[in-house]
PDB file of N, CA and C in Angstrom:
ATOM      1  N   UNK A   1       6.960   7.404  16.769  1.00  0.00           N
ATOM      2  CA  UNK A   1       7.499   6.229  16.210  1.00  0.00           C
ATOM      3  C   UNK A   1       8.501   6.735  15.056  1.00  0.00           C
ATOM      4  N   UNK A   2       9.793   6.942  15.482  1.00  0.00           N
ATOM      5  CA  UNK A   2      10.951   6.830  14.351  1.00  0.00           C
ATOM      6  C   UNK A   2      10.433   6.670  12.884  1.00  0.00           C
ATOM      7  N   UNK A   3      11.317   6.752  11.753  1.00  0.00           N
ATOM      8  CA  UNK A   3      11.088   6.286  10.443  1.00  0.00           C
ATOM      9  C   UNK A   3      11.584   4.393  10.700  1.00  0.00           C
ATOM     10  N   UNK A   4      13.178   5.062  11.299  1.00  0.00           N
ATOM     11  CA  UNK A   4      13.586   3.647  11.718  1.00  0.00           C
ATOM     12  C   UNK A   4      13.563   2.314  11.873  1.00  0.00           C
ATOM     13  N   UNK A   5      12.721   3.200  13.055  1.00  0.00           N
ATOM     14  CA  UNK A   5      11.273   2.024  14.310  1.00  0.00           C
ATOM     15  C   UNK A   5      10.335   1.492  13.534  1.00  0.00           C
ATOM     16  N   UNK A   6       9.479   2.405  12.260  1.00  0.00           N
ATOM     17  CA  UNK A   6       8.623   1.891  11.881  1.00  0.00           C
ATOM     18  C   UNK A   6       8.623   0.506  11.381  1.00  0.00           C
ATOM     19  N   UNK A   7       7.184  -0.471  11.219  1.00  0.00           N
ATOM     20  CA  UNK A   7       7.719  -1.930  10.398  1.00  0.00           C
ATOM     21  C   UNK A   7       7.494  -1.379   9.150  1.00  0.00           C
ATOM     22  N   UNK A   8       8.130  -2.377   8.506  1.00  0.00           N
ATOM     23  CA  UNK A   8       8.486  -2.514   6.722  1.00  0.00           C
ATOM     24  C   UNK A   8       7.620  -4.125   6.398  1.00  0.00           C
ATOM     25  N   UNK A   9       7.435  -3.764   5.035  1.00  0.00           N
ATOM     26  CA  UNK A   9       6.343  -4.611   4.552  1.00  0.00           C
ATOM     27  C   UNK A   9       7.303  -5.790   4.442  1.00  0.00           C
ATOM     28  N   UNK A  10       7.049  -7.297   5.098  1.00  0.00           N
ATOM     29  CA  UNK A  10       7.542  -8.489   4.905  1.00  0.00           C
ATOM     30  C   UNK A  10       7.969  -8.872   6.459  1.00  0.00           C
ATOM     31  N   UNK A  11       7.994  -8.086   7.179  1.00  0.00           N
ATOM     32  CA  UNK A  11       8.149  -8.243   8.685  1.00  0.00           C
ATOM     33  C   UNK A  11       7.371  -8.854   9.604  1.00  0.00           C
ATOM     34  N   UNK A  12       7.811  -9.894  10.989  1.00  0.00           N
ATOM     35  CA  UNK A  12       7.471 -10.207  11.206  1.00  0.00           C
ATOM     36  C   UNK A  12       7.608  -9.999  12.526  1.00  0.00           C
ATOM     37  N   UNK A  13       6.492  -9.410  13.998  1.00  0.00           N
ATOM     38  CA  UNK A  13       6.029  -8.510  14.176  1.00  0.00           C
ATOM     39  C   UNK A  13       5.418  -9.341  15.528  1.00  0.00           C
ATOM     40  N   UNK A  14       5.639  -8.661  17.187  1.00  0.00           N
ATOM     41  CA  UNK A  14       4.638  -9.360  17.525  1.00  0.00           C
ATOM     42  C   UNK A  14       3.603  -8.468  18.431  1.00  0.00           C
ATOM     43  N   UNK A  15       2.626  -8.393  18.083  1.00  0.00           N
ATOM     44  CA  UNK A  15       1.675  -7.438  18.692  1.00  0.00           C
ATOM     45  C   UNK A  15       0.197  -7.639  19.172  1.00  0.00           C
ATOM     46  N   UNK A  16       0.118  -6.443  19.982  1.00  0.00           N
ATOM     47  CA  UNK A  16      -1.752  -6.657  21.021  1.00  0.00           C
ATOM     48  C   UNK A  16      -2.544  -6.227  20.338  1.00  0.00           C
ATOM     49  N   UNK A  17      -3.307  -7.514  20.281  1.00  0.00           N
ATOM     50  CA  UNK A  17      -4.633  -7.543  19.464  1.00  0.00           C
ATOM     51  C   UNK A  17      -5.659  -8.326  20.550  1.00  0.00           C
ATOM     52  N   UNK A  18      -7.039  -7.167  20.468  1.00  0.00           N
ATOM     53  CA  UNK A  18      -7.664  -7.721  20.971  1.00  0.00           C
ATOM     54  C   UNK A  18      -7.941  -8.469  22.298  1.00  0.00           C
ATOM     55  N   UNK A  19      -6.266  -7.809  23.304  1.00  0.00           N
ATOM     56  CA  UNK A  19      -6.060  -7.628  24.830  1.00  0.00           C
ATOM     57  C   UNK A  19      -4.899  -8.821  24.679  1.00  0.00           C
ATOM     58  N   UNK A  20      -4.833  -9.899  23.530  1.00  0.00           N
ATOM     59  CA  UNK A  20      -3.712 -10.851  23.628  1.00  0.00           C
ATOM     60  C   UNK A  20      -2.376 -10.491  23.171  1.00  0.00           C
ATOM     61  N   UNK A  21      -1.111 -10.858  23.030  1.00  0.00           N
ATOM     62  CA  UNK A  21      -0.068 -10.706  21.687  1.00  0.00           C
ATOM     63  C   UNK A  21       0.261 -11.740  21.115  1.00  0.00           C
ATOM     64  N   UNK A  22       0.315 -11.979  19.518  1.00  0.00           N
ATOM     65  CA  UNK A  22      -0.470 -12.330  18.096  1.00  0.00           C
ATOM     66  C   UNK A  22       0.973 -11.804  17.714  1.00  0.00           C
ATOM     67  N   UNK A  23       1.516 -13.178  17.036  1.00  0.00           N
ATOM     68  CA  UNK A  23       3.012 -12.921  15.754  1.00  0.00           C
ATOM     69  C   UNK A  23       1.923 -12.344  14.365  1.00  0.00           C
ATOM     70  N   UNK A  24       2.347 -11.527  13.504  1.00  0.00           N
ATOM     71  CA  UNK A  24       1.838 -11.042  12.773  1.00  0.00           C
ATOM     72  C   UNK A  24       2.910 -10.883  11.564  1.00  0.00           C
ATOM     73  N   UNK A  25       2.403 -10.792  10.104  1.00  0.00           N
ATOM     74  CA  UNK A  25       3.334 -10.099   9.307  1.00  0.00           C
ATOM     75  C   UNK A  25       2.635  -8.974   8.832  1.00  0.00           C
ATOM     76  N   UNK A  26       3.748  -8.502   8.843  1.00  0.00           N
ATOM     77  CA  UNK A  26       3.075  -6.407   7.946  1.00  0.00           C
ATOM     78  C   UNK A  26       2.922  -6.427   6.734  1.00  0.00           C
ATOM     79  N   UNK A  27       1.683  -6.740   5.900  1.00  0.00           N
ATOM     80  CA  UNK A  27       1.989  -6.771   4.678  1.00  0.00           C
ATOM     81  C   UNK A  27       1.438  -4.919   4.106  1.00  0.00           C
ATOM     82  N   UNK A  28       1.102  -4.410   4.530  1.00  0.00           N
ATOM     83  CA  UNK A  28       0.638  -2.482   3.656  1.00  0.00           C
ATOM     84  C   UNK A  28       2.337  -2.560   3.688  1.00  0.00           C
ATOM     85  N   UNK A  29       2.065  -1.415   2.613  1.00  0.00           N
ATOM     86  CA  UNK A  29       2.898  -0.783   1.709  1.00  0.00           C
ATOM     87  C   UNK A  29       3.742  -0.178   3.067  1.00  0.00           C
ATOM     88  N   UNK A  30       5.123  -0.282   1.930  1.00  0.00           N
ATOM     89  CA  UNK A  30       6.310   1.117   3.316  1.00  0.00           C
ATOM     90  C   UNK A  30       5.692   2.199   3.688  1.00  0.00           C
ATOM     91  N   UNK A  31       4.860   2.903   2.196  1.00  0.00           N
ATOM     92  CA  UNK A  31       4.851   4.279   1.878  1.00  0.00           C
ATOM     93  C   UNK A  31       3.927   4.623   3.537  1.00  0.00           C
ATOM     94  N   UNK A  32       2.857   3.372   3.637  1.00  0.00           N
ATOM     95  CA  UNK A  32       2.008   3.425   4.702  1.00  0.00           C
ATOM     96  C   UNK A  32       2.776   3.728   5.640  1.00  0.00           C
ATOM     97  N   UNK A  33       3.780   2.308   5.735  1.00  0.00           N
ATOM     98  CA  UNK A  33       4.567   1.769   7.128  1.00  0.00           C
ATOM     99  C   UNK A  33       4.856   3.009   8.388  1.00  0.00           C
ATOM    100  N   UNK A  34       5.573   3.737   7.305  1.00  0.00           N
ATOM    101  CA  UNK A  34       6.483   4.858   7.716  1.00  0.00           C
ATOM    102  C   UNK A  34       6.102   5.984   8.078  1.00  0.00           C
ATOM    103  N   UNK A  35       4.964   6.453   7.341  1.00  0.00           N
ATOM    104  CA  UNK A  35       3.990   8.001   7.619  1.00  0.00           C
ATOM    105  C   UNK A  35       3.921   7.602   8.427  1.00  0.00           C
ATOM    106  N   UNK A  36       3.974   9.008   9.156  1.00  0.00           N
ATOM    107  CA  UNK A  36       3.804   9.771  10.082  1.00  0.00           C
ATOM    108  C   UNK A  36       2.394  10.014  10.650  1.00  0.00           C
ATOM    109  N   UNK A  37       2.212  10.318   9.505  1.00  0.00           N
ATOM    110  CA  UNK A  37      -0.180  10.831   9.513  1.00  0.00           C
ATOM    111  C   UNK A  37      -0.752   8.761  10.036  1.00  0.00           C
ATOM    112  N   UNK A  38       0.219   8.223   9.267  1.00  0.00           N
ATOM    113  CA  UNK A  38      -1.108   6.797   8.955  1.00  0.00           C
ATOM    114  C   UNK A  38      -0.797   6.074  10.397  1.00  0.00           C
ATOM    115  N   UNK A  39      -1.433   5.960  11.439  1.00  0.00           N
ATOM    116  CA  UNK A  39      -1.176   5.446  12.536  1.00  0.00           C
ATOM    117  C   UNK A  39      -1.579   4.068  12.386  1.00  0.00           C
ATOM    118  N   UNK A  40      -1.781   3.238  11.232  1.00  0.00           N
ATOM    119  CA  UNK A  40      -2.229   1.624  11.387  1.00  0.00           C
ATOM    120  C   UNK A  40      -1.387   1.362   9.859  1.00  0.00           C
ATOM    121  N   UNK A  41      -1.463  -0.739  10.711  1.00  0.00           N
ATOM    122  CA  UNK A  41      -0.486  -1.433   9.643  1.00  0.00           C
ATOM    123  C   UNK A  41      -1.347  -2.236   9.224  1.00  0.00           C
ATOM    124  N   UNK A  42      -1.556  -3.131   7.580  1.00  0.00           N
ATOM    125  CA  UNK A  42      -2.221  -4.494   7.897  1.00  0.00           C
ATOM    126  C   UNK A  42      -1.401  -5.029   8.018  1.00  0.00           C
ATOM    127  N   UNK A  43      -1.974  -6.011   8.935  1.00  0.00           N
ATOM    128  CA  UNK A  43      -0.737  -7.153   8.698  1.00  0.00           C
ATOM    129  C   UNK A  43      -1.914  -8.514   8.729  1.00  0.00           C
ATOM    130  N   UNK A  44      -1.385  -9.721   8.624  1.00  0.00           N
ATOM    131  CA  UNK A  44      -1.727 -11.052   8.108  1.00  0.00           C
ATOM    132  C   UNK A  44      -1.558 -11.722   9.676  1.00  0.00           C
ATOM    133  N   UNK A  45      -2.573 -12.659  11.008  1.00  0.00           N
ATOM    134  CA  UNK A  45      -1.502 -13.095  11.741  1.00  0.00           C
ATOM    135  C   UNK A  45      -1.114 -14.506  11.366  1.00  0.00           C
ATOM    136  N   UNK A  46      -0.280 -14.822  12.548  1.00  0.00           N
ATOM    137  CA  UNK A  46       0.264 -16.452  12.579  1.00  0.00           C
ATOM    138  C   UNK A  46      -0.868 -17.300  13.754  1.00  0.00           C
ATOM    139  N   UNK A  47      -1.360 -18.221  13.384  1.00  0.00           N
ATOM    140  CA  UNK A  47      -2.042 -18.565  14.214  1.00  0.00           C
ATOM    141  C   UNK A  47      -0.981 -20.470  14.886  1.00  0.00           C
ATOM    142  N   UNK A  48      -1.613 -20.879  15.598  1.00  0.00           N
ATOM    143  CA  UNK A  48      -1.021 -21.483  16.438  1.00  0.00           C
ATOM    144  C   UNK A  48      -1.681 -23.505  16.092  1.00  0.00           C
ATOM    145  N   UNK A  49      -2.676 -23.186  15.071  1.00  0.00           N
ATOM    146  CA  UNK A  49      -3.357 -24.372  14.344  1.00  0.00           C
ATOM    147  C   UNK A  49      -3.696 -24.264  13.149  1.00  0.00           C
ATOM    148  N   UNK A  50      -3.887 -24.683  12.634  1.00  0.00           N
ATOM    149  CA  UNK A  50      -4.863 -25.039  11.444  1.00  0.00           C
ATOM    150  C   UNK A  50      -4.716 -25.539  10.499  1.00  0.00           C
ATOM    151  N   UNK A  51      -5.050 -25.747   9.105  1.00  0.00           N
ATOM    152  CA  UNK A  51      -4.703 -26.607   7.929  1.00  0.00           C
ATOM    153  C   UNK A  51      -4.693 -25.455   6.854  1.00  0.00           C
ATOM    154  N   UNK A  52      -3.013 -26.174   6.032  1.00  0.00           N
ATOM    155  CA  UNK A  52      -2.981 -25.551   4.801  1.00  0.00           C
ATOM    156  C   UNK A  52      -4.512 -25.636   3.785  1.00  0.00           C
ATOM    157  N   UNK A  53      -4.249 -24.381   3.109  1.00  0.00           N
ATOM    158  CA  UNK A  53      -5.752 -23.919   1.992  1.00  0.00           C
ATOM    159  C   UNK A  53      -5.281 -23.286   1.295  1.00  0.00           C
ATOM    160  N   UNK A  54      -6.210 -22.561   0.614  1.00  0.00           N
ATOM    161  CA  UNK A  54      -6.481 -21.389  -0.523  1.00  0.00           C
ATOM    162  C   UNK A  54      -5.676 -20.148   0.420  1.00  0.00           C
ATOM    163  N   UNK A  55      -5.986 -19.722   1.608  1.00  0.00           N
ATOM    164  CA  UNK A  55      -5.901 -18.806   2.592  1.00  0.00           C
ATOM    165  C   UNK A  55      -4.844 -19.204   4.165  1.00  0.00           C
ATOM    166  N   UNK A  56      -4.791 -20.571   4.054  1.00  0.00           N
ATOM    167  CA  UNK A  56      -3.747 -20.771   5.176  1.00  0.00           C
ATOM    168  C   UNK A  56      -2.886 -21.091   4.767  1.00  0.00           C
ATOM    169  N   UNK A  57      -1.306 -21.062   5.233  1.00  0.00           N
ATOM    170  CA  UNK A  57      -0.215 -21.611   5.189  1.00  0.00           C
ATOM    171  C   UNK A  57       0.894 -22.163   6.351  1.00  0.00           C
ATOM    172  N   UNK A  58       1.293 -23.312   6.472  1.00  0.00           N
ATOM    173  CA  UNK A  58       2.575 -23.586   7.530  1.00  0.00           C
ATOM    174  C   UNK A  58       3.036 -23.441   6.946  1.00  0.00           C
ATOM    175  N   UNK A  59       3.880 -22.501   8.504  1.00  0.00           N
ATOM    176  CA  UNK A  59       5.273 -22.067   8.585  1.00  0.00           C
ATOM    177  C   UNK A  59       6.193 -22.711   9.181  1.00  0.00           C
ATOM    178  N   UNK A  60       7.154 -23.178   9.034  1.00  0.00           N
ATOM    179  CA  UNK A  60       8.329 -23.952  10.156  1.00  0.00           C
ATOM    180  C   UNK A  60       9.155 -22.380  10.671  1.00  0.00           C
ATOM    181  N   UNK A  61       9.097 -23.122  12.338  1.00  0.00           N
ATOM    182  CA  UNK A  61      10.349 -22.364  12.670  1.00  0.00           C
ATOM    183  C   UNK A  61      11.748 -21.660  12.010  1.00  0.00           C
ATOM    184  N   UNK A  62      11.957 -22.230  11.239  1.00  0.00           N
ATOM    185  CA  UNK A  62      12.842 -22.117  10.678  1.00  0.00           C
ATOM    186  C   UNK A  62      13.052 -20.700   9.934  1.00  0.00           C
ATOM    187  N   UNK A  63      11.374 -20.735   8.728  1.00  0.00           N
ATOM    188  CA  UNK A  63      11.536 -19.615   8.343  1.00  0.00           C
ATOM    189  C   UNK A  63      10.998 -18.507   8.901  1.00  0.00           C
ATOM    190  N   UNK A  64      10.457 -18.666  10.023  1.00  0.00           N
ATOM    191  CA  UNK A  64       9.150 -17.475  10.627  1.00  0.00           C
ATOM    192  C   UNK A  64      10.336 -17.182  11.995  1.00  0.00           C
ATOM    193  N   UNK A  65      11.130 -17.429  12.833  1.00  0.00           N
ATOM    194  CA  UNK A  65      11.545 -17.663  13.337  1.00  0.00           C
ATOM    195  C   UNK A  65      10.759 -17.386  15.355  1.00  0.00           C
ATOM    196  N   UNK A  66       9.486 -17.926  15.129  1.00  0.00           N
ATOM    197  CA  UNK A  66       8.928 -18.697  16.048  1.00  0.00           C
ATOM    198  C   UNK A  66       9.320 -19.843  16.747  1.00  0.00           C
ATOM    199  N   UNK A  67       8.645 -19.839  17.887  1.00  0.00           N
ATOM    200  CA  UNK A  67       9.636 -20.721  18.670  1.00  0.00           C
ATOM    201  C   UNK A  67       8.755 -22.257  18.313  1.00  0.00           C
ATOM    202  N   UNK A  68       7.500 -22.562  17.135  1.00  0.00           N
ATOM    203  CA  UNK A  68       6.924 -23.715  16.819  1.00  0.00           C
ATOM    204  C   UNK A  68       6.642 -23.383  15.551  1.00  0.00           C
ATOM    205  N   UNK A  69       5.694 -24.557  14.277  1.00  0.00           N
ATOM    206  CA  UNK A  69       5.417 -24.259  13.902  1.00  0.00           C
ATOM    207  C   UNK A  69       4.190 -23.227  14.065  1.00  0.00           C
ATOM    208  N   UNK A  70       3.733 -22.450  12.662  1.00  0.00           N
ATOM    209  CA  UNK A  70       2.280 -21.907  12.869  1.00  0.00           C
ATOM    210  C   UNK A  70       2.011 -21.568  11.448  1.00  0.00           C
ATOM    211  N   UNK A  71       0.371 -21.168  11.633  1.00  0.00           N
ATOM    212  CA  UNK A  71      -0.463 -20.884  10.089  1.00  0.00           C
ATOM    213  C   UNK A  71      -0.374 -19.539  10.146  1.00  0.00           C
ATOM    214  N   UNK A  72      -0.088 -18.959   9.144  1.00  0.00           N
ATOM    215  CA  UNK A  72       0.030 -18.235   8.509  1.00  0.00           C
ATOM    216  C   UNK A  72      -1.796 -17.925   7.943  1.00  0.00           C
ATOM    217  N   UNK A  73      -2.184 -17.145   8.500  1.00  0.00           N
ATOM    218  CA  UNK A  73      -4.041 -17.238   7.986  1.00  0.00           C
ATOM    219  C   UNK A  73      -4.584 -15.589   7.698  1.00  0.00           C
ATOM    220  N   UNK A  74      -4.445 -15.744   6.610  1.00  0.00           N
ATOM    221  CA  UNK A  74      -4.274 -14.829   5.383  1.00  0.00           C
ATOM    222  C   UNK A  74      -6.224 -13.764   5.297  1.00  0.00           C
ATOM    223  N   UNK A  75      -6.758 -14.971   5.493  1.00  0.00           N
ATOM    224  CA  UNK A  75      -8.558 -14.737   5.765  1.00  0.00           C
ATOM    225  C   UNK A  75      -8.722 -13.510   6.941  1.00  0.00           C
ATOM    226  N   UNK A  76      -7.845 -13.274   8.211  1.00  0.00           N
ATOM    227  CA  UNK A  76      -7.728 -12.927   9.322  1.00  0.00           C
ATOM    228  C   UNK A  76      -7.021 -11.614   8.762  1.00  0.00           C
ATOM    229  N   UNK A  77      -6.735 -11.149   7.590  1.00  0.00           N
ATOM    230  CA  UNK A  77      -6.041  -9.454   7.401  1.00  0.00           C
ATOM    231  C   UNK A  77      -6.954  -8.734   8.363  1.00  0.00           C
ATOM    232  N   UNK A  78      -5.826  -7.770   9.206  1.00  0.00           N
ATOM    233  CA  UNK A  78      -6.002  -6.832  10.448  1.00  0.00           C
ATOM    234  C   UNK A  78      -5.771  -5.668   9.905  1.00  0.00           C
ATOM    235  N   UNK A  79      -6.425  -4.531  10.739  1.00  0.00           N
ATOM    236  CA  UNK A  79      -5.748  -3.359  10.697  1.00  0.00           C
ATOM    237  C   UNK A  79      -5.210  -3.522  12.762  1.00  0.00           C
ATOM    238  N   UNK A  80      -3.787  -2.727  12.237  1.00  0.00           N
ATOM    239  CA  UNK A  80      -3.170  -2.863  13.338  1.00  0.00           C
ATOM    240  C   UNK A  80      -2.656  -1.037  13.882  1.00  0.00           C
ATOM    241  N   UNK A  81      -3.130  -1.174  15.031  1.00  0.00           N
ATOM    242  CA  UNK A  81      -2.556   0.029  15.742  1.00  0.00           C
ATOM    243  C   UNK A  81      -0.476   0.534  15.779  1.00  0.00           C
ATOM    244  N   UNK A  82      -0.080   1.178  14.848  1.00  0.00           N
ATOM    245  CA  UNK A  82       1.218   0.864  14.882  1.00  0.00           C
ATOM    246  C   UNK A  82       1.554   0.524  16.878  1.00  0.00           C
ATOM    247  N   UNK A  83       0.946   1.265  17.297  1.00  0.00           N
ATOM    248  CA  UNK A  83       1.528   1.277  18.546  1.00  0.00           C
ATOM    249  C   UNK A  83       1.004   0.461  19.321  1.00  0.00           C
ATOM    250  N   UNK A  84       0.455  -0.725  19.141  1.00  0.00           N
ATOM    251  CA  UNK A  84      -0.338  -1.983  19.369  1.00  0.00           C
ATOM    252  C   UNK A  84       1.035  -3.373  18.956  1.00  0.00           C
ATOM    253  N   UNK A  85       1.915  -2.714  17.600  1.00  0.00           N
ATOM    254  CA  UNK A  85       3.303  -3.592  17.466  1.00  0.00           C
ATOM    255  C   UNK A  85       3.759  -3.358  18.359  1.00  0.00           C
ATOM    256  N   UNK A  86       4.161  -4.712  19.289  1.00  0.00           N
ATOM    257  CA  UNK A  86       5.265  -4.375  20.663  1.00  0.00           C
ATOM    258  C   UNK A  86       6.821  -4.700  20.095  1.00  0.00           C
ATOM    259  N   UNK A  87       7.614  -6.005  19.381  1.00  0.00           N
ATOM    260  CA  UNK A  87       8.606  -6.746  19.032  1.00  0.00           C
ATOM    261  C   UNK A  87       8.377  -6.540  18.178  1.00  0.00           C
ATOM    262  N   UNK A  88       9.293  -6.195  16.951  1.00  0.00           N
ATOM    263  CA  UNK A  88       9.696  -6.423  15.597  1.00  0.00           C
ATOM    264  C   UNK A  88      11.151  -8.203  16.086  1.00  0.00           C
ATOM    265  N   UNK A  89      10.682  -8.705  15.005  1.00  0.00           N
ATOM    266  CA  UNK A  89      11.087 -10.113  15.198  1.00  0.00           C
ATOM    267  C   UNK A  89      12.223 -10.354  14.284  1.00  0.00           C
ATOM    268  N   UNK A  90      13.926 -11.146  14.508  1.00  0.00           N
ATOM    269  CA  UNK A  90      14.548 -10.966  13.328  1.00  0.00           C
ATOM    270  C   UNK A  90      14.380 -11.693  12.010  1.00  0.00           C
ATOM    271  N   UNK A  91      13.168 -12.134  12.139  1.00  0.00           N
ATOM    272  CA  UNK A  91      12.998 -13.034  10.615  1.00  0.00           C
ATOM    273  C   UNK A  91      12.212 -12.476   9.924  1.00  0.00           C
ATOM    274  N   UNK A  92      12.593 -11.622   8.614  1.00  0.00           N
ATOM    275  CA  UNK A  92      10.952 -11.601   7.400  1.00  0.00           C
ATOM    276  C   UNK A  92      10.920 -12.521   6.528  1.00  0.00           C
ATOM    277  N   UNK A  93      10.306 -12.387   5.711  1.00  0.00           N
ATOM    278  CA  UNK A  93       9.476 -13.146   4.429  1.00  0.00           C
ATOM    279  C   UNK A  93      10.454 -12.901   3.478  1.00  0.00           C
ATOM    280  N   UNK A  94      10.553 -13.704   2.629  1.00  0.00           N
ATOM    281  CA  UNK A  94      11.300 -13.769   1.426  1.00  0.00           C
ATOM    282  C   UNK A  94      10.517 -12.916   0.692  1.00  0.00           C
ATOM    283  N   UNK A  95      11.048 -12.326  -0.591  1.00  0.00           N
ATOM    284  CA  UNK A  95      10.075 -11.920  -1.806  1.00  0.00           C
ATOM    285  C   UNK A  95       8.924 -12.947  -2.260  1.00  0.00           C
ATOM    286  N   UNK A  96       9.657 -14.139  -2.221  1.00  0.00           N
ATOM    287  CA  UNK A  96       8.459 -15.168  -2.987  1.00  0.00           C
ATOM    288  C   UNK A  96       7.434 -15.367  -1.835  1.00  0.00           C
ATOM    289  N   UNK A  97       7.656 -15.534  -0.371  1.00  0.00           N
ATOM    290  CA  UNK A  97       7.291 -15.796   0.644  1.00  0.00           C
ATOM    291  C   UNK A  97       6.018 -14.651   0.802  1.00  0.00           C
ATOM    292  N   UNK A  98       6.325 -13.488   0.079  1.00  0.00           N
ATOM    293  CA  UNK A  98       5.795 -12.304   0.374  1.00  0.00           C
ATOM    294  C   UNK A  98       4.782 -12.140  -0.390  1.00  0.00           C
ATOM    295  N   UNK A  99       4.945 -12.873  -1.916  1.00  0.00           N
ATOM    296  CA  UNK A  99       4.144 -13.351  -3.383  1.00  0.00           C
ATOM    297  C   UNK A  99       2.728 -13.884  -2.806  1.00  0.00           C
ATOM    298  N   UNK A 100       3.271 -15.764  -2.292  1.00  0.00           N
ATOM    299  CA  UNK A 100       2.550 -16.108  -1.839  1.00  0.00           C
ATOM    300  C   UNK A 100       1.761 -15.521  -1.166  1.00  0.00           C
ATOM    301  N   UNK A 101       2.171 -15.150   0.110  1.00  0.00           N
ATOM    302  CA  UNK A 101       0.826 -14.339   0.741  1.00  0.00           C
ATOM    303  C   UNK A 101       0.267 -13.243  -0.014  1.00  0.00           C
ATOM    304  N   UNK A 102       0.667 -12.469  -0.330  1.00  0.00           N
ATOM    305  CA  UNK A 102      -0.593 -11.363  -0.921  1.00  0.00           C
ATOM    306  C   UNK A 102      -1.519 -12.368  -2.177  1.00  0.00           C
ATOM    307  N   UNK A 103      -1.373 -13.446  -2.655  1.00  0.00           N
ATOM    308  CA  UNK A 103      -2.485 -15.027  -3.153  1.00  0.00           C
ATOM    309  C   UNK A 103      -3.004 -15.094  -2.259  1.00  0.00           C
ATOM    310  N   UNK A 104      -2.719 -15.190  -0.943  1.00  0.00           N
ATOM    311  CA  UNK A 104      -3.245 -16.242   0.151  1.00  0.00           C
ATOM    312  C   UNK A 104      -4.312 -14.543   0.208  1.00  0.00           C
ATOM    313  N   UNK A 105      -3.892 -13.934   0.232  1.00  0.00           N
ATOM    314  CA  UNK A 105      -5.508 -12.745   0.588  1.00  0.00           C
ATOM    315  C   UNK A 105      -5.978 -11.925  -0.408  1.00  0.00           C
ATOM    316  N   UNK A 106      -5.525 -12.062  -1.527  1.00  0.00           N
ATOM    317  CA  UNK A 106      -6.595 -12.091  -3.318  1.00  0.00           C
ATOM    318  C   UNK A 106      -7.471 -13.151  -2.563  1.00  0.00           C
ATOM    319  N   UNK A 107      -7.072 -14.451  -2.038  1.00  0.00           N
ATOM    320  CA  UNK A 107      -7.892 -15.464  -2.667  1.00  0.00           C
ATOM    321  C   UNK A 107      -8.959 -15.553  -1.283  1.00  0.00           C
ATOM    322  N   UNK A 108      -9.306 -14.790  -0.324  1.00  0.00           N
ATOM    323  CA  UNK A 108      -9.593 -14.057   0.922  1.00  0.00           C
ATOM    324  C   UNK A 108     -11.244 -14.018   0.720  1.00  0.00           C
ATOM    325  N   UNK A 109     -10.843 -12.870  -0.927  1.00  0.00           N
ATOM    326  CA  UNK A 109     -11.603 -11.659  -0.860  1.00  0.00           C
ATOM    327  C   UNK A 109     -11.808 -12.001  -2.847  1.00  0.00           C
ATOM    328  N   UNK A 110     -11.277 -12.785  -3.204  1.00  0.00           N
ATOM    329  CA  UNK A 110     -12.422 -12.764  -4.960  1.00  0.00           C
ATOM    330  C   UNK A 110     -12.212 -13.790  -5.320  1.00  0.00           C
ATOM    331  N   UNK A 111     -13.541 -14.258  -5.348  1.00  0.00           N
ATOM    332  CA  UNK A 111     -14.017 -16.289  -5.904  1.00  0.00           C
ATOM    333  C   UNK A 111     -13.189 -16.837  -6.320  1.00  0.00           C
ATOM    334  N   UNK A 112     -12.696 -15.667  -7.855  1.00  0.00           N
ATOM    335  CA  UNK A 112     -11.882 -16.260  -8.847  1.00  0.00           C
ATOM    336  C   UNK A 112     -10.644 -16.748  -8.945  1.00  0.00           C
ATOM    337  N   UNK A 113      -9.818 -15.958  -7.912  1.00  0.00           N
ATOM    338  CA  UNK A 113      -8.786 -15.780  -7.637  1.00  0.00           C
ATOM    339  C   UNK A 113      -8.474 -17.065  -8.152  1.00  0.00           C
ATOM    340  N   UNK A 114      -7.013 -17.561  -8.703  1.00  0.00           N
ATOM    341  CA  UNK A 114      -6.360 -18.551  -9.142  1.00  0.00           C
ATOM    342  C   UNK A 114      -6.088 -19.435  -7.666  1.00  0.00           C
ATOM    343  N   UNK A 115      -5.992 -21.383  -7.967  1.00  0.00           N
ATOM    344  CA  UNK A 115      -5.529 -21.284  -6.715  1.00  0.00           C
ATOM    345  C   UNK A 115      -5.254 -23.425  -6.981  1.00  0.00           C
ATOM    346  N   UNK A 116      -3.805 -23.521  -7.114  1.00  0.00           N
ATOM    347  CA  UNK A 116      -3.675 -24.965  -7.359  1.00  0.00           C
ATOM    348  C   UNK A 116      -3.057 -25.912  -5.526  1.00  0.00           C
ATOM    349  N   UNK A 117      -4.122 -26.175  -5.034  1.00  0.00           N
ATOM    350  CA  UNK A 117      -4.618 -27.365  -4.042  1.00  0.00           C
ATOM    351  C   UNK A 117      -3.011 -28.538  -3.889  1.00  0.00           C
ATOM    352  N   UNK A 118      -2.189 -28.600  -5.347  1.00  0.00           N
ATOM    353  CA  UNK A 118      -1.349 -30.006  -5.401  1.00  0.00           C
ATOM    354  C   UNK A 118      -0.118 -29.480  -4.198  1.00  0.00           C
TER     355      UNK A 118
END
């Protein structure tokens, strides 16, 4: 994979995971994503159902470019081989959306992480 083809932080990709194709957001740092020595990325998957919560967020098609409303599920953070990334989608998460996603990942691993459920 050439550096120009490498995934970037905040991009939405289709990936083959566990024999199925899923939409994911790349959350690993670009130093990892573009490295030719590192063969994997960190990603958070979208799911077709769920409910908003400390580690899950509903996102509309206009925010993601996906055909339907989807739930980002930070509690399912995954290591995905770069070779399993199939297609880069045209949309990417904004900086504020990425900050929110990182906070969700933090809440998935830190019981003391702040959460305002208003």
